[in-house]
Protein backbone atom coordinates (compact mmCIF):
# COMPACT_ATOMS: atom_id res chain seq x y z
CA UNK A 1 -4.95 5.35 2.00
CA UNK A 2 -8.04 3.03 2.76
CA UNK A 3 -10.21 0.88 0.13
CA UNK A 4 -13.16 0.40 1.45
CA UNK A 5 -15.22 -2.42 -0.31
CA UNK A 6 -19.28 -3.01 -0.30
CA UNK A 7 -21.99 -4.47 -1.65
CA UNK A 8 -22.16 -8.29 -0.79
CA UNK A 9 -24.50 -10.37 0.50
CA UNK A 10 -26.32 -13.60 -0.22
CA UNK A 11 -28.57 -13.70 -3.53
CA UNK A 12 -29.46 -16.70 -5.46
CA UNK A 13 -28.25 -18.99 -8.12
CA UNK A 14 -29.64 -16.47 -10.99
CA UNK A 15 -29.41 -13.12 -9.92
CA UNK A 16 -26.97 -9.81 -9.41
CA UNK A 17 -24.93 -8.22 -7.27
CA UNK A 18 -23.31 -4.98 -7.88
CA UNK A 19 -19.89 -4.27 -5.70
CA UNK A 20 -18.26 -0.71 -5.27
CA UNK A 21 -14.81 0.11 -3.85
CA UNK A 22 -13.57 3.39 -2.98
CA UNK A 23 -10.55 5.05 -2.39
CA UNK A 24 -9.81 7.28 -0.04
CA UNK A 25 -6.86 9.51 1.39
CA UNK A 26 -4.23 11.45 -0.08
CA UNK A 27 -3.95 10.00 -3.49
CA UNK A 28 -2.22 11.71 -6.29
CA UNK A 29 -2.85 8.91 -8.95
CA UNK A 30 -4.41 5.31 -9.13
CA UNK A 31 -3.06 3.09 -12.40
CA UNK A 32 -4.99 -0.21 -12.02
CA UNK A 33 -7.65 -1.40 -9.99
CA UNK A 34 -8.76 -5.30 -9.81
CA UNK A 35 -10.89 -7.59 -8.07
CA UNK A 36 -9.88 -10.75 -6.84
CA UNK A 37 -11.85 -13.50 -4.45
CA UNK A 38 -10.83 -15.94 -1.99
CA UNK A 39 -13.42 -19.31 -1.16
CA UNK A 40 -12.60 -21.42 1.47
CA UNK A 41 -9.77 -23.89 1.19
CA UNK A 42 -8.53 -22.21 -2.32
CA UNK A 43 -6.56 -19.34 -3.15
CA UNK A 44 -7.16 -16.12 -3.71
CA UNK A 45 -7.52 -15.39 -7.54
CA UNK A 46 -7.77 -12.96 -9.84
CA UNK A 47 -11.39 -11.81 -10.99
CA UNK A 48 -10.78 -9.06 -13.20
CA UNK A 49 -8.70 -5.46 -13.60
CA UNK A 50 -9.19 -2.17 -15.53
CA UNK A 51 -6.81 0.19 -16.18
CA UNK A 52 -6.68 3.84 -15.46
CA UNK A 53 -7.39 4.27 -19.24
CA UNK A 54 -10.41 1.88 -19.21
CA UNK A 55 -8.60 -1.10 -20.21
CA UNK A 56 -9.75 -4.64 -18.96
CA UNK A 57 -9.27 -8.61 -18.68
CA UNK A 58 -11.11 -11.11 -16.49
CA UNK A 59 -10.40 -14.57 -15.22
CA UNK A 60 -11.80 -17.34 -17.27
CA UNK A 61 -14.70 -18.34 -14.39
CA UNK A 62 -16.21 -15.12 -14.92
CA UNK A 63 -16.15 -13.55 -18.29
CA UNK A 64 -19.21 -12.98 -20.30
CA UNK A 65 -20.73 -12.99 -16.67
CA UNK A 66 -19.00 -10.10 -14.88
CA UNK A 67 -18.64 -6.48 -15.60
CA UNK A 68 -15.47 -4.42 -14.00
CA UNK A 69 -15.44 -0.72 -14.04
CA UNK A 70 -14.61 2.21 -12.52
CA UNK A 71 -14.96 6.18 -11.72
CA UNK A 72 -11.39 7.71 -11.89
CA UNK A 73 -13.30 11.18 -10.58
CA UNK A 74 -14.58 9.27 -7.68
CA UNK A 75 -11.60 7.09 -7.15
CA UNK A 76 -13.92 4.10 -6.96
CA UNK A 77 -13.99 0.28 -8.86
CA UNK A 78 -17.12 -1.50 -9.61
CA UNK A 79 -17.91 -5.42 -10.10
CA UNK A 80 -20.94 -6.00 -11.95
CA UNK A 81 -21.70 -9.97 -11.12
CA UNK A 82 -25.16 -11.46 -13.53
CA UNK A 83 -25.86 -14.79 -13.72
CA UNK A 84 -24.08 -16.03 -9.75
CA UNK A 85 -23.53 -19.62 -9.65
CA UNK A 86 -22.91 -21.53 -6.40
CA UNK A 87 -18.50 -21.13 -7.24
CA UNK A 88 -18.62 -17.68 -6.92
CA UNK A 89 -19.18 -17.91 -3.38
CA UNK A 90 -15.94 -16.47 -1.95
CA UNK A 91 -14.66 -13.03 0.31
CA UNK A 92 -14.08 -10.37 -2.75
CA UNK A 93 -11.17 -8.14 -2.22
CA UNK A 94 -10.62 -5.13 -4.21
CA UNK A 95 -6.77 -4.14 -4.91
CA UNK A 96 -5.15 -0.32 -6.02
CA UNK A 97 -1.73 0.25 -7.32
CA UNK A 98 -2.37 3.96 -5.43
CA UNK A 99 0.36 6.55 -6.05
CA UNK A 100 0.68 8.38 -2.79
CA UNK A 101 4.59 10.52 -3.56
CA UNK A 102 6.78 9.68 -5.98
CA UNK A 103 5.82 6.34 -6.11
CA UNK A 104 3.01 3.67 -6.46
CA UNK A 105 2.22 1.54 -3.75
CA UNK A 106 -0.03 -1.74 -3.91
CA UNK A 107 -3.41 -1.84 -1.34
CA UNK A 108 -6.35 -4.41 -0.23
CA UNK A 109 -9.45 -3.82 0.72
CA UNK A 110 -10.40 -5.70 3.46
CA UNK A 111 -13.09 -8.05 1.53
CA UNK A 112 -16.46 -7.93 1.06
CA UNK A 113 -18.52 -11.59 1.50
CA UNK A 114 -20.85 -13.09 -1.27
CA UNK A 115 -22.54 -16.15 -0.55
CA UNK A 116 -24.47 -17.50 -3.63
CA UNK A 117 -27.40 -20.19 -2.85
CA UNK A 118 -28.46 -23.27 -4.72
């Protein structure tokens, strides 16, 4: 099983980006999918999460600006990021609880870099 994130890049403050993360492999089901980020010199933090039923939660710093969604048929999670600020600059990682046998396991993507210029 692999998680492949894409969509990062360089954007000016106030701009938008949309991240995608697709899970591939022999997958029975996917429970919660999440986006984390890690800025230089800082700890990794939760950005947003979404359950298989569509319930969402967000980190305080992104509420009202970012929207997480998913396409269960495509095993893909998205992160729409609007009103980007320089403080959003970080490597963004997707994470998912994936069932490949009787148990769910925690998987991580490699990360995609988002750079917001002022």
